[in-house]
Amino acid sequence: MSNTLTLEPLTTAAFAPFGDILDASGTPDKMINQGLCGRHHDRATLDFSDGRAGISLFKAEPRQFPITLDMVERHPDGSQAFIPMCLHPFVVVVAPDADEKPGIPRAFLTSAGQAINFHTGTWHGVLTPIHAPGLFAVVDRIGEGPNLEEHWFEAPYSIVE
């Protein structure tokens, strides 16, 4: 048996309990570089209990709908930002915490040019591009010790457009 999740647009209000949306919407906070560049300042809260921030590159295979969601994960010792290196939307899955287990997941579709930052401890799906090349810069905790918890659902979810 499979549960169905319908994609929602990724909005600041809907995503706020889970993390930050990184985009260049609105008026820049200030103009720099002789007035030729708008700086949208400090768009994400990076949080690491120990270790340091690192930047890695992920190259994920694109998925096709319906997408099966059978597992979510979280990182108890640090936030994690996914920044696409192309202007394609991608799917973001999150779930509220329900007594140390994930609650009912939600599936979002980003707009071109949006990136996300998961708050520390947020249950989330794996990187899910829907277009090639699926290349992302990832900013997360680099440090000693485990920083990954996985939860496998008894009945998978099916994500539809």
C-alpha atoms as a PDB file:
ATOM      1  CA  MET A   1       0.000   0.000   0.000  1.00  0.00           C
ATOM      2  CA  SER A   2       1.274   3.441  -0.881  1.00  0.00           C
ATOM      3  CA  ASN A   3       0.315   6.862   0.430  1.00  0.00           C
ATOM      4  CA  THR A   4       0.210   9.777  -2.014  1.00  0.00           C
ATOM      5  CA  LEU A   5       1.905  13.146  -1.622  1.00  0.00           C
ATOM      6  CA  THR A   6       1.017  15.939  -4.047  1.00  0.00           C
ATOM      7  CA  LEU A   7       3.679  18.534  -4.776  1.00  0.00           C
ATOM      8  CA  GLU A   8       3.229  21.952  -3.205  1.00  0.00           C
ATOM      9  CA  PRO A   9       4.968  25.127  -4.376  1.00  0.00           C
ATOM     10  CA  LEU A  10       7.938  25.979  -2.170  1.00  0.00           C
ATOM     11  CA  THR A  11       7.054  29.144  -0.240  1.00  0.00           C
ATOM     12  CA  THR A  12       8.767  30.836   2.686  1.00  0.00           C
ATOM     13  CA  ALA A  13       5.734  30.409   4.949  1.00  0.00           C
ATOM     14  CA  ALA A  14       5.195  26.716   4.169  1.00  0.00           C
ATOM     15  CA  PHE A  15       8.887  25.828   4.499  1.00  0.00           C
ATOM     16  CA  ALA A  16       9.710  27.957   7.583  1.00  0.00           C
ATOM     17  CA  PRO A  17       9.290  25.122  10.151  1.00  0.00           C
ATOM     18  CA  PHE A  18      11.859  23.036   8.250  1.00  0.00           C
ATOM     19  CA  GLY A  19      14.460  25.515   7.024  1.00  0.00           C
ATOM     20  CA  ASP A  20      15.304  28.486   4.844  1.00  0.00           C
ATOM     21  CA  ILE A  21      14.646  29.236   1.176  1.00  0.00           C
ATOM     22  CA  LEU A  22      17.647  30.730  -0.559  1.00  0.00           C
ATOM     23  CA  ASP A  23      16.793  32.916  -3.522  1.00  0.00           C
ATOM     24  CA  ALA A  24      17.317  36.396  -4.870  1.00  0.00           C
ATOM     25  CA  SER A  25      13.724  37.558  -4.556  1.00  0.00           C
ATOM     26  CA  GLY A  26      12.880  41.081  -3.472  1.00  0.00           C
ATOM     27  CA  THR A  27      15.093  44.131  -3.364  1.00  0.00           C
ATOM     28  CA  PRO A  28      18.772  43.441  -2.662  1.00  0.00           C
ATOM     29  CA  ASP A  29      19.957  44.373   0.830  1.00  0.00           C
ATOM     30  CA  LYS A  30      22.704  46.449  -0.735  1.00  0.00           C
ATOM     31  CA  MET A  31      24.400  47.094  -4.027  1.00  0.00           C
ATOM     32  CA  ILE A  32      28.088  46.170  -4.324  1.00  0.00           C
ATOM     33  CA  ASN A  33      30.805  45.977  -7.004  1.00  0.00           C
ATOM     34  CA  GLN A  34      30.363  49.542  -8.244  1.00  0.00           C
ATOM     35  CA  GLY A  35      26.569  49.127  -8.232  1.00  0.00           C
ATOM     36  CA  LEU A  36      26.606  46.174 -10.644  1.00  0.00           C
ATOM     37  CA  CYS A  37      25.709  43.425  -8.160  1.00  0.00           C
ATOM     38  CA  GLY A  38      22.809  43.157  -5.740  1.00  0.00           C
ATOM     39  CA  ARG A  39      23.666  41.383  -2.489  1.00  0.00           C
ATOM     40  CA  HIS A  40      20.804  39.425  -0.905  1.00  0.00           C
ATOM     41  CA  HIS A  41      22.507  39.105   2.468  1.00  0.00           C
ATOM     42  CA  ASP A  42      22.554  36.233   4.996  1.00  0.00           C
ATOM     43  CA  ARG A  43      19.740  34.097   3.560  1.00  0.00           C
ATOM     44  CA  ALA A  44      20.332  30.948   5.657  1.00  0.00           C
ATOM     45  CA  THR A  45      21.035  30.020   9.244  1.00  0.00           C
ATOM     46  CA  LEU A  46      23.996  27.661   9.197  1.00  0.00           C
ATOM     47  CA  ASP A  47      24.206  25.713  12.449  1.00  0.00           C
ATOM     48  CA  PHE A  48      26.844  23.169  13.471  1.00  0.00           C
ATOM     49  CA  SER A  49      27.229  21.726  16.975  1.00  0.00           C
ATOM     50  CA  ASP A  50      30.870  20.904  16.337  1.00  0.00           C
ATOM     51  CA  GLY A  51      33.116  20.510  13.337  1.00  0.00           C
ATOM     52  CA  ARG A  52      33.046  23.083  10.575  1.00  0.00           C
ATOM     53  CA  ALA A  53      31.099  24.091   7.485  1.00  0.00           C
ATOM     54  CA  GLY A  54      32.190  22.360   4.301  1.00  0.00           C
ATOM     55  CA  ILE A  55      31.145  22.675   0.671  1.00  0.00           C
ATOM     56  CA  SER A  56      30.718  19.448  -1.296  1.00  0.00           C
ATOM     57  CA  LEU A  57      29.370  18.766  -4.781  1.00  0.00           C
ATOM     58  CA  PHE A  58      26.630  16.169  -5.287  1.00  0.00           C
ATOM     59  CA  LYS A  59      25.642  14.790  -8.681  1.00  0.00           C
ATOM     60  CA  ALA A  60      22.315  12.966  -8.413  1.00  0.00           C
ATOM     61  CA  GLU A  61      20.387  11.056 -11.049  1.00  0.00           C
ATOM     62  CA  PRO A  62      17.132  12.770 -12.084  1.00  0.00           C
ATOM     63  CA  ARG A  63      13.900  11.108 -10.930  1.00  0.00           C
ATOM     64  CA  GLN A  64      10.656  10.676 -12.812  1.00  0.00           C
ATOM     65  CA  PHE A  65       7.113  10.919 -11.469  1.00  0.00           C
ATOM     66  CA  PRO A  66       5.660   9.221  -9.610  1.00  0.00           C
ATOM     67  CA  ILE A  67       8.592   9.305  -7.193  1.00  0.00           C
ATOM     68  CA  THR A  68       8.710   6.681  -4.447  1.00  0.00           C
ATOM     69  CA  LEU A  69       9.526   7.983  -0.976  1.00  0.00           C
ATOM     70  CA  ASP A  70      10.451   5.098   1.283  1.00  0.00           C
ATOM     71  CA  MET A  71      12.993   6.774   3.560  1.00  0.00           C
ATOM     72  CA  VAL A  72      13.787  10.111   5.178  1.00  0.00           C
ATOM     73  CA  GLU A  73      16.872  11.178   7.086  1.00  0.00           C
ATOM     74  CA  ARG A  74      18.047  13.913   9.400  1.00  0.00           C
ATOM     75  CA  HIS A  75      21.300  15.387  10.630  1.00  0.00           C
ATOM     76  CA  PRO A  76      21.244  16.040  14.400  1.00  0.00           C
ATOM     77  CA  ASP A  77      24.555  17.928  14.477  1.00  0.00           C
ATOM     78  CA  GLY A  78      24.157  20.434  11.674  1.00  0.00           C
ATOM     79  CA  SER A  79      22.110  22.207   9.049  1.00  0.00           C
ATOM     80  CA  GLN A  80      22.384  21.213   5.389  1.00  0.00           C
ATOM     81  CA  ALA A  81      21.965  23.479   2.356  1.00  0.00           C
ATOM     82  CA  PHE A  82      21.312  22.268  -1.201  1.00  0.00           C
ATOM     83  CA  ILE A  83      22.187  24.800  -3.900  1.00  0.00           C
ATOM     84  CA  PRO A  84      21.438  23.724  -7.482  1.00  0.00           C
ATOM     85  CA  MET A  85      24.147  24.558  -9.989  1.00  0.00           C
ATOM     86  CA  CYS A  86      21.622  24.962 -12.805  1.00  0.00           C
ATOM     87  CA  LEU A  87      18.252  26.699 -13.136  1.00  0.00           C
ATOM     88  CA  HIS A  88      16.034  23.598 -12.936  1.00  0.00           C
ATOM     89  CA  PRO A  89      13.433  22.991 -10.236  1.00  0.00           C
ATOM     90  CA  PHE A  90      13.840  20.027  -7.899  1.00  0.00           C
ATOM     91  CA  VAL A  91      11.697  18.185  -5.340  1.00  0.00           C
ATOM     92  CA  VAL A  92      12.163  18.805  -1.608  1.00  0.00           C
ATOM     93  CA  VAL A  93      10.605  16.437   0.927  1.00  0.00           C
ATOM     94  CA  VAL A  94      10.379  17.270   4.640  1.00  0.00           C
ATOM     95  CA  ALA A  95       8.516  15.857   7.631  1.00  0.00           C
ATOM     96  CA  PRO A  96       7.803  17.304  11.066  1.00  0.00           C
ATOM     97  CA  ASP A  97       9.304  15.534  14.050  1.00  0.00           C
ATOM     98  CA  ALA A  98       6.783  13.399  15.961  1.00  0.00           C
ATOM     99  CA  ASP A  99       8.449  12.062  19.115  1.00  0.00           C
ATOM    100  CA  GLU A 100      11.824  11.402  17.454  1.00  0.00           C
ATOM    101  CA  LYS A 101      10.217   9.899  14.334  1.00  0.00           C
ATOM    102  CA  PRO A 102       9.037  11.658  11.180  1.00  0.00           C
ATOM    103  CA  GLY A 103       5.429  12.753  10.972  1.00  0.00           C
ATOM    104  CA  ILE A 104       3.485  12.940   7.700  1.00  0.00           C
ATOM    105  CA  PRO A 105       5.846  14.137   4.954  1.00  0.00           C
ATOM    106  CA  ARG A 106       5.271  17.096   2.656  1.00  0.00           C
ATOM    107  CA  ALA A 107       6.657  17.394  -0.869  1.00  0.00           C
ATOM    108  CA  PHE A 108       7.595  20.750  -2.400  1.00  0.00           C
ATOM    109  CA  LEU A 109       8.636  21.773  -5.886  1.00  0.00           C
ATOM    110  CA  THR A 110      11.195  24.568  -6.043  1.00  0.00           C
ATOM    111  CA  SER A 111      11.107  27.313  -8.621  1.00  0.00           C
ATOM    112  CA  ALA A 112      14.089  27.821 -10.902  1.00  0.00           C
ATOM    113  CA  GLY A 113      16.771  29.652  -8.925  1.00  0.00           C
ATOM    114  CA  GLN A 114      15.623  28.533  -5.461  1.00  0.00           C
ATOM    115  CA  ALA A 115      17.906  26.667  -3.058  1.00  0.00           C
ATOM    116  CA  ILE A 116      17.114  25.370   0.426  1.00  0.00           C
ATOM    117  CA  ASN A 117      18.744  24.991   3.817  1.00  0.00           C
ATOM    118  CA  PHE A 118      17.392  22.344   6.204  1.00  0.00           C
ATOM    119  CA  HIS A 119      17.486  23.305   9.875  1.00  0.00           C
ATOM    120  CA  THR A 120      19.468  21.021  12.182  1.00  0.00           C
ATOM    121  CA  GLY A 121      17.498  17.848  12.942  1.00  0.00           C
ATOM    122  CA  THR A 122      14.907  18.281  10.166  1.00  0.00           C
ATOM    123  CA  TRP A 123      13.601  15.035   8.687  1.00  0.00           C
ATOM    124  CA  HIS A 124      14.026  15.246   4.903  1.00  0.00           C
ATOM    125  CA  GLY A 125      14.078  13.160   1.755  1.00  0.00           C
ATOM    126  CA  VAL A 126      17.161  12.521  -0.313  1.00  0.00           C
ATOM    127  CA  LEU A 127      18.354  14.881  -3.033  1.00  0.00           C
ATOM    128  CA  THR A 128      15.701  14.654  -5.765  1.00  0.00           C
ATOM    129  CA  PRO A 129      16.417  16.458  -9.033  1.00  0.00           C
ATOM    130  CA  ILE A 130      13.886  16.005 -11.840  1.00  0.00           C
ATOM    131  CA  HIS A 131      16.179  17.289 -14.617  1.00  0.00           C
ATOM    132  CA  ALA A 132      19.761  16.497 -15.608  1.00  0.00           C
ATOM    133  CA  PRO A 133      22.483  17.237 -14.682  1.00  0.00           C
ATOM    134  CA  GLY A 134      21.369  17.053 -11.008  1.00  0.00           C
ATOM    135  CA  LEU A 135      24.479  18.940  -9.863  1.00  0.00           C
ATOM    136  CA  PHE A 136      24.299  20.673  -6.465  1.00  0.00           C
ATOM    137  CA  ALA A 137      26.648  22.450  -4.098  1.00  0.00           C
ATOM    138  CA  VAL A 138      25.965  21.231  -0.564  1.00  0.00           C
ATOM    139  CA  VAL A 139      26.979  23.160   2.551  1.00  0.00           C
ATOM    140  CA  ASP A 140      26.938  20.999   5.665  1.00  0.00           C
ATOM    141  CA  ARG A 141      28.830  19.857   8.739  1.00  0.00           C
ATOM    142  CA  ILE A 142      32.251  18.296   8.332  1.00  0.00           C
ATOM    143  CA  GLY A 143      33.403  16.689  11.570  1.00  0.00           C
ATOM    144  CA  GLU A 144      33.984  13.605  13.649  1.00  0.00           C
ATOM    145  CA  GLY A 145      31.222  11.212  14.633  1.00  0.00           C
ATOM    146  CA  PRO A 146      27.940  10.219  13.046  1.00  0.00           C
ATOM    147  CA  ASN A 147      25.564  12.924  11.860  1.00  0.00           C
ATOM    148  CA  LEU A 148      22.937  10.833  10.094  1.00  0.00           C
ATOM    149  CA  GLU A 149      19.725   9.166  11.223  1.00  0.00           C
ATOM    150  CA  GLU A 150      17.514   7.294   8.738  1.00  0.00           C
ATOM    151  CA  HIS A 151      13.871   6.288   9.030  1.00  0.00           C
ATOM    152  CA  TRP A 152      12.317   3.765   6.626  1.00  0.00           C
ATOM    153  CA  PHE A 153       8.537   3.950   6.206  1.00  0.00           C
ATOM    154  CA  GLU A 154       6.481   0.769   6.605  1.00  0.00           C
ATOM    155  CA  ALA A 155       4.370   1.872   3.635  1.00  0.00           C
ATOM    156  CA  PRO A 156       6.118   4.054   1.054  1.00  0.00           C
ATOM    157  CA  TYR A 157       4.710   7.322  -0.237  1.00  0.00           C
ATOM    158  CA  SER A 158       4.206   8.129  -3.891  1.00  0.00           C
ATOM    159  CA  ILE A 159       4.958  11.717  -4.916  1.00  0.00           C
ATOM    160  CA  VAL A 160       2.866  12.952  -7.856  1.00  0.00           C
ATOM    161  CA  GLU A 161       2.875  16.221  -9.767  1.00  0.00           C
END
